[in-house]
Amino acid sequence: MVSAEQVTDPIAFHAEGAVWSEAWGGLKWVDMFRGDVLSLGADGAVDRMPTGSTIAAMVRPRVGGGFVVVTEREFTLWGADGGREWASEPVWAASAGIRFNEGGCDPEGRLLCGSMSYDMIPGAGTLWRFGVDRSIERMFDGATISNGLGFTADGSRMFYVDTPTRRIDVFDYAAGVLSDRRPFVHVAEGAGDPDGLWVDDEDGVWVALYGGAAVHHYDASGALADVVELPATNVTSCTFGGPALSTLYITTSRENLADGEQPLAGSVFAAPAGVRGLPVRAFGG
């Protein structure tokens, strides 16, 4: 087992969606329920950027500079100066009680992001695809808490979490089509619920375990290879960063915790991974 070290103060309520990009100078993540994008400076200071939405679900770099942020019901494009350049129309009506949650980019540079019901209604979520041409389409329905996803190094398979299934599933992927969904890993009862994930360059999967105070590393065969322990129960996402992409950055949440309980929850942590992570795939639009 490996223990993680604290990188930031517990400044977020629900830190999520950690992602490293040299294009924007290092680590970004979201404080999801406050609608903010956070950035870690070289001096350890954290910058907080409001999106204007009640939800900031995820952030990814854009190939041409700047970044894309998925908010409660919209896809939004931002310039390198932090100014918002464009926003889609809401993908569904506010009355639907649905919000975006988590995702990533595919090998062609399109952004995939899943949705979920605020009330966690079974099957109410959808995996959506936002194209480089700003088109929006459904990939599949029937998810409950559509969560972390990531592709293998060669782009031929996609790992995916629908949290209540307690599984990491894997799809075959070719020419923009997902097929042959099947279980890759079953997370044991009592270990926490699978949340955000990242893939390493050996096609191992690192998954944050909400309620489990840990990140699990499963190798390419699906065997448990490493456990990273955290001093906070609600572990939400992980990514690889640093010059060699060999440091695992991990976000945590204060959701469902009482004041004074787990004082480090809401912090970002880091741990040596012993393997190189895959670089982030940027949005092509």
C-alpha atoms as a PDB file:
ATOM      1  CA  MET A   1       0.000   0.000   0.000  1.00  0.00           C
ATOM      2  CA  VAL A   2       1.021   3.583  -0.694  1.00  0.00           C
ATOM      3  CA  SER A   3      -0.019   6.610   1.358  1.00  0.00           C
ATOM      4  CA  ALA A   4      -0.815   9.890  -0.367  1.00  0.00           C
ATOM      5  CA  GLU A   5       0.457  13.290   0.772  1.00  0.00           C
ATOM      6  CA  GLN A   6      -1.648  16.431   0.976  1.00  0.00           C
ATOM      7  CA  VAL A   7      -1.034  18.963  -1.833  1.00  0.00           C
ATOM      8  CA  THR A   8      -3.698  21.616  -1.176  1.00  0.00           C
ATOM      9  CA  ASP A   9      -5.724  22.781   1.775  1.00  0.00           C
ATOM     10  CA  PRO A  10      -9.310  21.436   1.993  1.00  0.00           C
ATOM     11  CA  ILE A  11     -10.590  24.297  -0.157  1.00  0.00           C
ATOM     12  CA  ALA A  12     -13.209  22.391  -2.167  1.00  0.00           C
ATOM     13  CA  PHE A  13     -16.557  21.012  -1.101  1.00  0.00           C
ATOM     14  CA  HIS A  14     -16.718  18.376  -3.848  1.00  0.00           C
ATOM     15  CA  ALA A  15     -13.400  18.278  -5.686  1.00  0.00           C
ATOM     16  CA  GLU A  16     -13.669  16.190  -8.856  1.00  0.00           C
ATOM     17  CA  GLY A  17     -12.328  15.686 -12.358  1.00  0.00           C
ATOM     18  CA  ALA A  18      -8.571  16.067 -11.824  1.00  0.00           C
ATOM     19  CA  VAL A  19      -6.622  16.478 -15.084  1.00  0.00           C
ATOM     20  CA  TRP A  20      -3.026  17.456 -15.852  1.00  0.00           C
ATOM     21  CA  SER A  21      -1.990  19.316 -18.995  1.00  0.00           C
ATOM     22  CA  GLU A  22       1.291  21.039 -19.763  1.00  0.00           C
ATOM     23  CA  ALA A  23      -0.722  23.249 -22.132  1.00  0.00           C
ATOM     24  CA  TRP A  24      -2.259  25.071 -19.154  1.00  0.00           C
ATOM     25  CA  GLY A  25       0.666  24.652 -16.782  1.00  0.00           C
ATOM     26  CA  GLY A  26      -0.210  21.629 -14.678  1.00  0.00           C
ATOM     27  CA  LEU A  27      -3.222  20.516 -12.651  1.00  0.00           C
ATOM     28  CA  LYS A  28      -6.843  21.571 -12.924  1.00  0.00           C
ATOM     29  CA  TRP A  29      -9.927  20.113 -11.274  1.00  0.00           C
ATOM     30  CA  VAL A  30     -13.476  21.200 -10.471  1.00  0.00           C
ATOM     31  CA  ASP A  31     -15.336  22.077  -7.292  1.00  0.00           C
ATOM     32  CA  MET A  32     -18.377  20.495  -8.856  1.00  0.00           C
ATOM     33  CA  PHE A  33     -21.308  21.760  -6.778  1.00  0.00           C
ATOM     34  CA  ARG A  34     -19.887  25.287  -6.593  1.00  0.00           C
ATOM     35  CA  GLY A  35     -19.530  25.510 -10.368  1.00  0.00           C
ATOM     36  CA  ASP A  36     -15.831  26.413 -10.245  1.00  0.00           C
ATOM     37  CA  VAL A  37     -12.682  25.295 -12.076  1.00  0.00           C
ATOM     38  CA  LEU A  38      -9.576  25.209  -9.852  1.00  0.00           C
ATOM     39  CA  SER A  39      -5.942  25.440 -10.964  1.00  0.00           C
ATOM     40  CA  LEU A  40      -2.792  24.613  -8.990  1.00  0.00           C
ATOM     41  CA  GLY A  41       0.026  27.112  -9.445  1.00  0.00           C
ATOM     42  CA  ALA A  42       3.729  26.314  -9.395  1.00  0.00           C
ATOM     43  CA  ASP A  43       3.926  28.056  -6.005  1.00  0.00           C
ATOM     44  CA  GLY A  44       1.193  25.846  -4.555  1.00  0.00           C
ATOM     45  CA  ALA A  45      -1.469  28.549  -4.696  1.00  0.00           C
ATOM     46  CA  VAL A  46      -4.890  27.624  -6.070  1.00  0.00           C
ATOM     47  CA  ASP A  47      -6.825  29.817  -8.498  1.00  0.00           C
ATOM     48  CA  ARG A  48     -10.617  29.489  -8.568  1.00  0.00           C
ATOM     49  CA  MET A  49     -12.564  30.360 -11.748  1.00  0.00           C
ATOM     50  CA  PRO A  50     -16.379  30.513 -11.574  1.00  0.00           C
ATOM     51  CA  THR A  51     -18.135  29.143 -14.650  1.00  0.00           C
ATOM     52  CA  GLY A  52     -21.437  30.929 -14.018  1.00  0.00           C
ATOM     53  CA  SER A  53     -23.195  27.582 -13.562  1.00  0.00           C
ATOM     54  CA  THR A  54     -24.287  25.780 -10.410  1.00  0.00           C
ATOM     55  CA  ILE A  55     -22.331  22.741 -11.662  1.00  0.00           C
ATOM     56  CA  ALA A  56     -18.849  22.361 -13.138  1.00  0.00           C
ATOM     57  CA  ALA A  57     -18.781  18.708 -14.138  1.00  0.00           C
ATOM     58  CA  MET A  58     -15.429  18.407 -15.929  1.00  0.00           C
ATOM     59  CA  VAL A  59     -12.678  20.319 -17.732  1.00  0.00           C
ATOM     60  CA  ARG A  60     -10.338  19.364 -20.591  1.00  0.00           C
ATOM     61  CA  PRO A  61      -7.747  21.265 -22.638  1.00  0.00           C
ATOM     62  CA  ARG A  62      -8.499  22.254 -26.242  1.00  0.00           C
ATOM     63  CA  VAL A  63      -6.046  21.390 -29.000  1.00  0.00           C
ATOM     64  CA  GLY A  64      -5.814  25.013 -30.135  1.00  0.00           C
ATOM     65  CA  GLY A  65      -5.463  26.442 -26.626  1.00  0.00           C
ATOM     66  CA  GLY A  66      -7.950  27.192 -23.885  1.00  0.00           C
ATOM     67  CA  PHE A  67     -10.271  24.582 -22.447  1.00  0.00           C
ATOM     68  CA  VAL A  68     -13.742  23.065 -22.537  1.00  0.00           C
ATOM     69  CA  VAL A  69     -15.919  22.947 -19.408  1.00  0.00           C
ATOM     70  CA  VAL A  70     -19.066  20.855 -19.098  1.00  0.00           C
ATOM     71  CA  THR A  71     -21.512  22.609 -16.798  1.00  0.00           C
ATOM     72  CA  GLU A  72     -24.890  21.482 -15.446  1.00  0.00           C
ATOM     73  CA  ARG A  73     -26.581  21.106 -18.850  1.00  0.00           C
ATOM     74  CA  GLU A  74     -24.208  22.737 -21.348  1.00  0.00           C
ATOM     75  CA  PHE A  75     -20.901  22.358 -23.153  1.00  0.00           C
ATOM     76  CA  THR A  76     -18.844  25.581 -22.919  1.00  0.00           C
ATOM     77  CA  LEU A  77     -15.631  26.671 -24.668  1.00  0.00           C
ATOM     78  CA  TRP A  78     -13.109  28.988 -23.026  1.00  0.00           C
ATOM     79  CA  GLY A  79     -10.031  30.790 -24.324  1.00  0.00           C
ATOM     80  CA  ALA A  80      -6.533  30.608 -22.906  1.00  0.00           C
ATOM     81  CA  ASP A  81      -7.209  33.934 -21.181  1.00  0.00           C
ATOM     82  CA  GLY A  82     -10.026  32.351 -19.163  1.00  0.00           C
ATOM     83  CA  GLY A  83     -12.814  34.071 -21.067  1.00  0.00           C
ATOM     84  CA  ARG A  84     -15.871  32.135 -22.176  1.00  0.00           C
ATOM     85  CA  GLU A  85     -16.127  32.035 -25.969  1.00  0.00           C
ATOM     86  CA  TRP A  86     -19.184  29.863 -26.615  1.00  0.00           C
ATOM     87  CA  ALA A  87     -21.870  27.802 -24.879  1.00  0.00           C
ATOM     88  CA  SER A  88     -24.275  25.241 -26.269  1.00  0.00           C
ATOM     89  CA  GLU A  89     -27.973  25.438 -25.697  1.00  0.00           C
ATOM     90  CA  PRO A  90     -28.978  23.388 -22.625  1.00  0.00           C
ATOM     91  CA  VAL A  91     -29.007  19.737 -23.661  1.00  0.00           C
ATOM     92  CA  TRP A  92     -32.240  19.107 -21.708  1.00  0.00           C
ATOM     93  CA  ALA A  93     -34.777  21.147 -19.758  1.00  0.00           C
ATOM     94  CA  ALA A  94     -34.080  22.160 -16.163  1.00  0.00           C
ATOM     95  CA  SER A  95     -37.297  20.428 -15.156  1.00  0.00           C
ATOM     96  CA  ALA A  96     -35.747  17.047 -16.057  1.00  0.00           C
ATOM     97  CA  GLY A  97     -33.735  17.060 -12.819  1.00  0.00           C
ATOM     98  CA  ILE A  98     -30.624  15.838 -14.668  1.00  0.00           C
ATOM     99  CA  ARG A  99     -27.032  17.118 -14.566  1.00  0.00           C
ATOM    100  CA  PHE A 100     -23.747  16.277 -16.259  1.00  0.00           C
ATOM    101  CA  ASN A 101     -21.241  14.383 -14.135  1.00  0.00           C
ATOM    102  CA  GLU A 102     -17.942  13.071 -15.580  1.00  0.00           C
ATOM    103  CA  GLY A 103     -16.216  12.081 -18.805  1.00  0.00           C
ATOM    104  CA  GLY A 104     -13.174  12.404 -21.075  1.00  0.00           C
ATOM    105  CA  CYS A 105     -12.105  12.743 -24.705  1.00  0.00           C
ATOM    106  CA  ASP A 106     -11.972  10.006 -27.323  1.00  0.00           C
ATOM    107  CA  PRO A 107      -9.064   9.342 -29.729  1.00  0.00           C
ATOM    108  CA  GLU A 108     -10.644  11.628 -32.346  1.00  0.00           C
ATOM    109  CA  GLY A 109     -10.779  14.562 -29.934  1.00  0.00           C
ATOM    110  CA  ARG A 110     -14.510  14.464 -29.245  1.00  0.00           C
ATOM    111  CA  LEU A 111     -15.670  14.905 -25.666  1.00  0.00           C
ATOM    112  CA  LEU A 112     -17.722  12.218 -23.926  1.00  0.00           C
ATOM    113  CA  CYS A 113     -19.607  13.171 -20.778  1.00  0.00           C
ATOM    114  CA  GLY A 114     -22.235  11.257 -18.850  1.00  0.00           C
ATOM    115  CA  SER A 115     -25.288  12.515 -17.026  1.00  0.00           C
ATOM    116  CA  MET A 116     -27.226  11.469 -13.952  1.00  0.00           C
ATOM    117  CA  SER A 117     -30.399  12.332 -12.080  1.00  0.00           C
ATOM    118  CA  TYR A 118     -30.051  14.603  -9.062  1.00  0.00           C
ATOM    119  CA  ASP A 119     -32.222  12.005  -7.299  1.00  0.00           C
ATOM    120  CA  MET A 120     -30.035   9.157  -8.628  1.00  0.00           C
ATOM    121  CA  ILE A 121     -33.008   7.580 -10.398  1.00  0.00           C
ATOM    122  CA  PRO A 122     -31.853   4.230 -11.830  1.00  0.00           C
ATOM    123  CA  GLY A 123     -31.306   4.344 -15.584  1.00  0.00           C
ATOM    124  CA  ALA A 124     -31.921   8.094 -15.953  1.00  0.00           C
ATOM    125  CA  GLY A 125     -28.389   8.887 -17.147  1.00  0.00           C
ATOM    126  CA  THR A 126     -26.962   9.070 -20.658  1.00  0.00           C
ATOM    127  CA  LEU A 127     -23.475   9.118 -22.166  1.00  0.00           C
ATOM    128  CA  TRP A 128     -23.286  12.112 -24.527  1.00  0.00           C
ATOM    129  CA  ARG A 129     -20.732  12.994 -27.213  1.00  0.00           C
ATOM    130  CA  PHE A 130     -19.781  16.595 -28.037  1.00  0.00           C
ATOM    131  CA  GLY A 131     -18.140  16.806 -31.441  1.00  0.00           C
ATOM    132  CA  VAL A 132     -15.373  19.055 -32.695  1.00  0.00           C
ATOM    133  CA  ASP A 133     -18.067  20.530 -34.965  1.00  0.00           C
ATOM    134  CA  ARG A 134     -20.101  21.324 -31.806  1.00  0.00           C
ATOM    135  CA  SER A 135     -22.650  18.609 -32.549  1.00  0.00           C
ATOM    136  CA  ILE A 136     -24.208  16.801 -29.579  1.00  0.00           C
ATOM    137  CA  GLU A 137     -25.365  13.173 -29.743  1.00  0.00           C
ATOM    138  CA  ARG A 138     -26.357  10.330 -27.463  1.00  0.00           C
ATOM    139  CA  MET A 139     -23.986   7.373 -27.214  1.00  0.00           C
ATOM    140  CA  PHE A 140     -26.197   5.239 -24.946  1.00  0.00           C
ATOM    141  CA  ASP A 141     -28.876   5.562 -22.282  1.00  0.00           C
ATOM    142  CA  GLY A 142     -29.667   3.595 -19.135  1.00  0.00           C
ATOM    143  CA  ALA A 143     -26.857   4.713 -16.842  1.00  0.00           C
ATOM    144  CA  THR A 144     -27.533   5.691 -13.237  1.00  0.00           C
ATOM    145  CA  ILE A 145     -24.376   7.571 -12.174  1.00  0.00           C
ATOM    146  CA  SER A 146     -22.340   7.859 -15.373  1.00  0.00           C
ATOM    147  CA  ASN A 147     -18.824   8.362 -14.092  1.00  0.00           C
ATOM    148  CA  GLY A 148     -15.160   7.953 -15.019  1.00  0.00           C
ATOM    149  CA  LEU A 149     -14.046   6.822 -18.458  1.00  0.00           C
ATOM    150  CA  GLY A 150     -10.746   6.456 -20.285  1.00  0.00           C
ATOM    151  CA  PHE A 151      -9.197   4.811 -23.332  1.00  0.00           C
ATOM    152  CA  THR A 152      -6.318   2.383 -23.711  1.00  0.00           C
ATOM    153  CA  ALA A 153      -3.056   3.673 -25.144  1.00  0.00           C
ATOM    154  CA  ASP A 154      -3.909   2.431 -28.650  1.00  0.00           C
ATOM    155  CA  GLY A 155      -7.474   3.761 -28.454  1.00  0.00           C
ATOM    156  CA  SER A 156      -9.030   0.369 -29.163  1.00  0.00           C
ATOM    157  CA  ARG A 157     -10.895  -0.003 -25.852  1.00  0.00           C
ATOM    158  CA  MET A 158     -12.739   2.306 -23.445  1.00  0.00           C
ATOM    159  CA  PHE A 159     -13.053   1.728 -19.702  1.00  0.00           C
ATOM    160  CA  TYR A 160     -16.248   3.062 -18.127  1.00  0.00           C
ATOM    161  CA  VAL A 161     -17.869   3.301 -14.694  1.00  0.00           C
ATOM    162  CA  ASP A 162     -21.580   3.438 -13.889  1.00  0.00           C
ATOM    163  CA  THR A 163     -21.054   3.695 -10.138  1.00  0.00           C
ATOM    164  CA  PRO A 164     -23.972   1.620  -8.747  1.00  0.00           C
ATOM    165  CA  THR A 165     -22.937  -1.398 -10.835  1.00  0.00           C
ATOM    166  CA  ARG A 166     -19.761  -1.599  -8.696  1.00  0.00           C
ATOM    167  CA  ARG A 167     -17.881  -2.404 -11.916  1.00  0.00           C
ATOM    168  CA  ILE A 168     -15.356  -0.985 -14.294  1.00  0.00           C
ATOM    169  CA  ASP A 169     -16.657  -2.075 -17.692  1.00  0.00           C
ATOM    170  CA  VAL A 170     -14.723  -2.146 -20.953  1.00  0.00           C
ATOM    171  CA  PHE A 171     -15.978  -1.544 -24.499  1.00  0.00           C
ATOM    172  CA  ASP A 172     -14.292  -2.214 -27.819  1.00  0.00           C
ATOM    173  CA  TYR A 173     -13.934   1.033 -29.765  1.00  0.00           C
ATOM    174  CA  ALA A 174     -13.449   1.631 -33.478  1.00  0.00           C
ATOM    175  CA  ALA A 175     -14.449   4.432 -35.865  1.00  0.00           C
ATOM    176  CA  GLY A 176     -16.424   6.211 -33.138  1.00  0.00           C
ATOM    177  CA  VAL A 177     -18.492   3.138 -32.247  1.00  0.00           C
ATOM    178  CA  LEU A 178     -18.591   1.468 -28.828  1.00  0.00           C
ATOM    179  CA  SER A 179     -19.358  -2.263 -28.810  1.00  0.00           C
ATOM    180  CA  ASP A 180     -19.195  -5.473 -26.752  1.00  0.00           C
ATOM    181  CA  ARG A 181     -19.576  -3.960 -23.283  1.00  0.00           C
ATOM    182  CA  ARG A 182     -18.322  -6.381 -20.638  1.00  0.00           C
ATOM    183  CA  PRO A 183     -17.048  -6.316 -17.040  1.00  0.00           C
ATOM    184  CA  PHE A 184     -13.333  -5.600 -16.579  1.00  0.00           C
ATOM    185  CA  VAL A 185     -13.277  -5.396 -12.760  1.00  0.00           C
ATOM    186  CA  HIS A 186     -15.836  -6.004 -10.023  1.00  0.00           C
ATOM    187  CA  VAL A 187     -15.067  -3.793  -7.016  1.00  0.00           C
ATOM    188  CA  ALA A 188     -15.562  -5.753  -3.817  1.00  0.00           C
ATOM    189  CA  GLU A 189     -18.378  -4.828  -1.450  1.00  0.00           C
ATOM    190  CA  GLY A 190     -17.084  -2.629   1.348  1.00  0.00           C
ATOM    191  CA  ALA A 191     -14.161  -1.267  -0.707  1.00  0.00           C
ATOM    192  CA  GLY A 192     -16.024   1.883  -1.735  1.00  0.00           C
ATOM    193  CA  ASP A 193     -17.882   2.820  -4.911  1.00  0.00           C
ATOM    194  CA  PRO A 194     -15.980   3.247  -8.205  1.00  0.00           C
ATOM    195  CA  ASP A 195     -15.858   6.895  -9.273  1.00  0.00           C
ATOM    196  CA  GLY A 196     -13.369   8.711 -11.529  1.00  0.00           C
ATOM    197  CA  LEU A 197     -10.584   6.792 -13.268  1.00  0.00           C
ATOM    198  CA  TRP A 198      -7.388   7.207 -15.296  1.00  0.00           C
ATOM    199  CA  VAL A 199      -5.473   4.777 -17.510  1.00  0.00           C
ATOM    200  CA  ASP A 200      -1.698   4.257 -17.406  1.00  0.00           C
ATOM    201  CA  ASP A 201       0.587   3.528 -20.353  1.00  0.00           C
ATOM    202  CA  GLU A 202       0.499  -0.197 -19.564  1.00  0.00           C
ATOM    203  CA  ASP A 203      -3.319  -0.143 -19.877  1.00  0.00           C
ATOM    204  CA  GLY A 204      -3.762  -0.447 -16.134  1.00  0.00           C
ATOM    205  CA  VAL A 205      -6.745   1.362 -14.613  1.00  0.00           C
ATOM    206  CA  TRP A 206      -6.564   3.559 -11.504  1.00  0.00           C
ATOM    207  CA  VAL A 207      -9.996   4.171  -9.986  1.00  0.00           C
ATOM    208  CA  ALA A 208     -11.045   6.454  -7.129  1.00  0.00           C
ATOM    209  CA  LEU A 209     -13.243   4.728  -4.556  1.00  0.00           C
ATOM    210  CA  TYR A 210     -15.904   7.001  -3.093  1.00  0.00           C
ATOM    211  CA  GLY A 211     -16.509   5.931   0.485  1.00  0.00           C
ATOM    212  CA  GLY A 212     -13.412   3.724   0.355  1.00  0.00           C
ATOM    213  CA  ALA A 213     -10.612   6.169   1.298  1.00  0.00           C
ATOM    214  CA  ALA A 214      -8.488   4.739  -1.498  1.00  0.00           C
ATOM    215  CA  VAL A 215      -7.523   4.522  -5.142  1.00  0.00           C
ATOM    216  CA  HIS A 216      -7.206   1.014  -6.575  1.00  0.00           C
ATOM    217  CA  HIS A 217      -4.823   0.191  -9.407  1.00  0.00           C
ATOM    218  CA  TYR A 218      -5.895  -2.761 -11.551  1.00  0.00           C
ATOM    219  CA  ASP A 219      -3.361  -4.024 -14.079  1.00  0.00           C
ATOM    220  CA  ALA A 220      -4.182  -4.779 -17.705  1.00  0.00           C
ATOM    221  CA  SER A 221      -5.489  -8.222 -16.735  1.00  0.00           C
ATOM    222  CA  GLY A 222      -7.879  -6.752 -14.136  1.00  0.00           C
ATOM    223  CA  ALA A 223      -5.848  -7.934 -11.129  1.00  0.00           C
ATOM    224  CA  LEU A 224      -5.508  -5.577  -8.159  1.00  0.00           C
ATOM    225  CA  ALA A 225      -1.902  -4.342  -8.293  1.00  0.00           C
ATOM    226  CA  ASP A 226      -1.741  -1.365  -5.901  1.00  0.00           C
ATOM    227  CA  VAL A 227      -3.778   0.449  -3.273  1.00  0.00           C
ATOM    228  CA  VAL A 228      -3.248   4.133  -2.506  1.00  0.00           C
ATOM    229  CA  GLU A 229      -4.657   5.084   0.897  1.00  0.00           C
ATOM    230  CA  LEU A 230      -6.173   8.501   1.636  1.00  0.00           C
ATOM    231  CA  PRO A 231      -7.021  10.243   4.939  1.00  0.00           C
ATOM    232  CA  ALA A 232     -10.465  11.120   3.584  1.00  0.00           C
ATOM    233  CA  THR A 233     -13.285   8.704   2.838  1.00  0.00           C
ATOM    234  CA  ASN A 234     -14.822  10.259  -0.271  1.00  0.00           C
ATOM    235  CA  VAL A 235     -12.222   9.837  -3.008  1.00  0.00           C
ATOM    236  CA  THR A 236     -13.562  11.144  -6.295  1.00  0.00           C
ATOM    237  CA  SER A 237     -10.993  11.226  -9.117  1.00  0.00           C
ATOM    238  CA  CYS A 238      -7.355  10.687 -10.025  1.00  0.00           C
ATOM    239  CA  THR A 239      -4.965  11.649 -12.804  1.00  0.00           C
ATOM    240  CA  PHE A 240      -1.279  11.402 -13.627  1.00  0.00           C
ATOM    241  CA  GLY A 241       0.878  14.517 -13.611  1.00  0.00           C
ATOM    242  CA  GLY A 242       4.329  15.929 -13.076  1.00  0.00           C
ATOM    243  CA  PRO A 243       7.144  16.088 -15.653  1.00  0.00           C
ATOM    244  CA  ALA A 244       7.180  12.311 -16.160  1.00  0.00           C
ATOM    245  CA  LEU A 245       3.424  11.777 -15.655  1.00  0.00           C
ATOM    246  CA  SER A 246       4.355   9.459 -12.797  1.00  0.00           C
ATOM    247  CA  THR A 247       2.680  11.262  -9.884  1.00  0.00           C
ATOM    248  CA  LEU A 248      -0.924  10.362  -9.119  1.00  0.00           C
ATOM    249  CA  TYR A 249      -3.036  13.385  -8.152  1.00  0.00           C
ATOM    250  CA  ILE A 250      -6.217  12.568  -6.257  1.00  0.00           C
ATOM    251  CA  THR A 251      -9.291  14.648  -5.384  1.00  0.00           C
ATOM    252  CA  THR A 252     -11.553  14.231  -2.359  1.00  0.00           C
ATOM    253  CA  SER A 253     -14.953  15.515  -1.237  1.00  0.00           C
ATOM    254  CA  ARG A 254     -16.721  16.801   1.867  1.00  0.00           C
ATOM    255  CA  GLU A 255     -20.091  15.634   0.579  1.00  0.00           C
ATOM    256  CA  ASN A 256     -22.179  13.931   3.301  1.00  0.00           C
ATOM    257  CA  LEU A 257     -19.661  14.861   6.039  1.00  0.00           C
ATOM    258  CA  ALA A 258     -20.466  16.824   9.172  1.00  0.00           C
ATOM    259  CA  ASP A 259     -18.610  20.026  10.042  1.00  0.00           C
ATOM    260  CA  GLY A 260     -15.297  19.117  11.643  1.00  0.00           C
ATOM    261  CA  GLU A 261     -15.423  15.522  10.406  1.00  0.00           C
ATOM    262  CA  GLN A 262     -12.424  14.424   8.325  1.00  0.00           C
ATOM    263  CA  PRO A 263     -10.753  17.854   8.285  1.00  0.00           C
ATOM    264  CA  LEU A 264      -8.593  17.040   5.236  1.00  0.00           C
ATOM    265  CA  ALA A 265     -11.554  16.086   3.027  1.00  0.00           C
ATOM    266  CA  GLY A 266     -11.814  18.485   0.092  1.00  0.00           C
ATOM    267  CA  SER A 267      -8.028  18.548  -0.389  1.00  0.00           C
ATOM    268  CA  VAL A 268      -6.008  17.316  -3.349  1.00  0.00           C
ATOM    269  CA  PHE A 269      -3.423  14.623  -2.594  1.00  0.00           C
ATOM    270  CA  ALA A 270      -0.499  13.123  -4.503  1.00  0.00           C
ATOM    271  CA  ALA A 271       1.323   9.794  -4.471  1.00  0.00           C
ATOM    272  CA  PRO A 272       4.113   8.191  -6.507  1.00  0.00           C
ATOM    273  CA  ALA A 273       2.563   5.780  -8.985  1.00  0.00           C
ATOM    274  CA  GLY A 274       5.556   3.699 -10.075  1.00  0.00           C
ATOM    275  CA  VAL A 275       4.223   3.783 -13.636  1.00  0.00           C
ATOM    276  CA  ARG A 276       3.664   6.476 -16.234  1.00  0.00           C
ATOM    277  CA  GLY A 277       0.124   7.633 -16.921  1.00  0.00           C
ATOM    278  CA  LEU A 278      -1.316   8.341 -20.330  1.00  0.00           C
ATOM    279  CA  PRO A 279      -1.361  12.042 -21.215  1.00  0.00           C
ATOM    280  CA  VAL A 280      -4.754  13.731 -21.337  1.00  0.00           C
ATOM    281  CA  ARG A 281      -6.563  13.590 -24.655  1.00  0.00           C
ATOM    282  CA  ALA A 282      -7.481  17.144 -25.607  1.00  0.00           C
ATOM    283  CA  PHE A 283     -10.757  18.305 -27.136  1.00  0.00           C
ATOM    284  CA  GLY A 284     -10.263  18.961 -30.839  1.00  0.00           C
ATOM    285  CA  GLY A 285     -12.693  21.853 -31.211  1.00  0.00           C
END
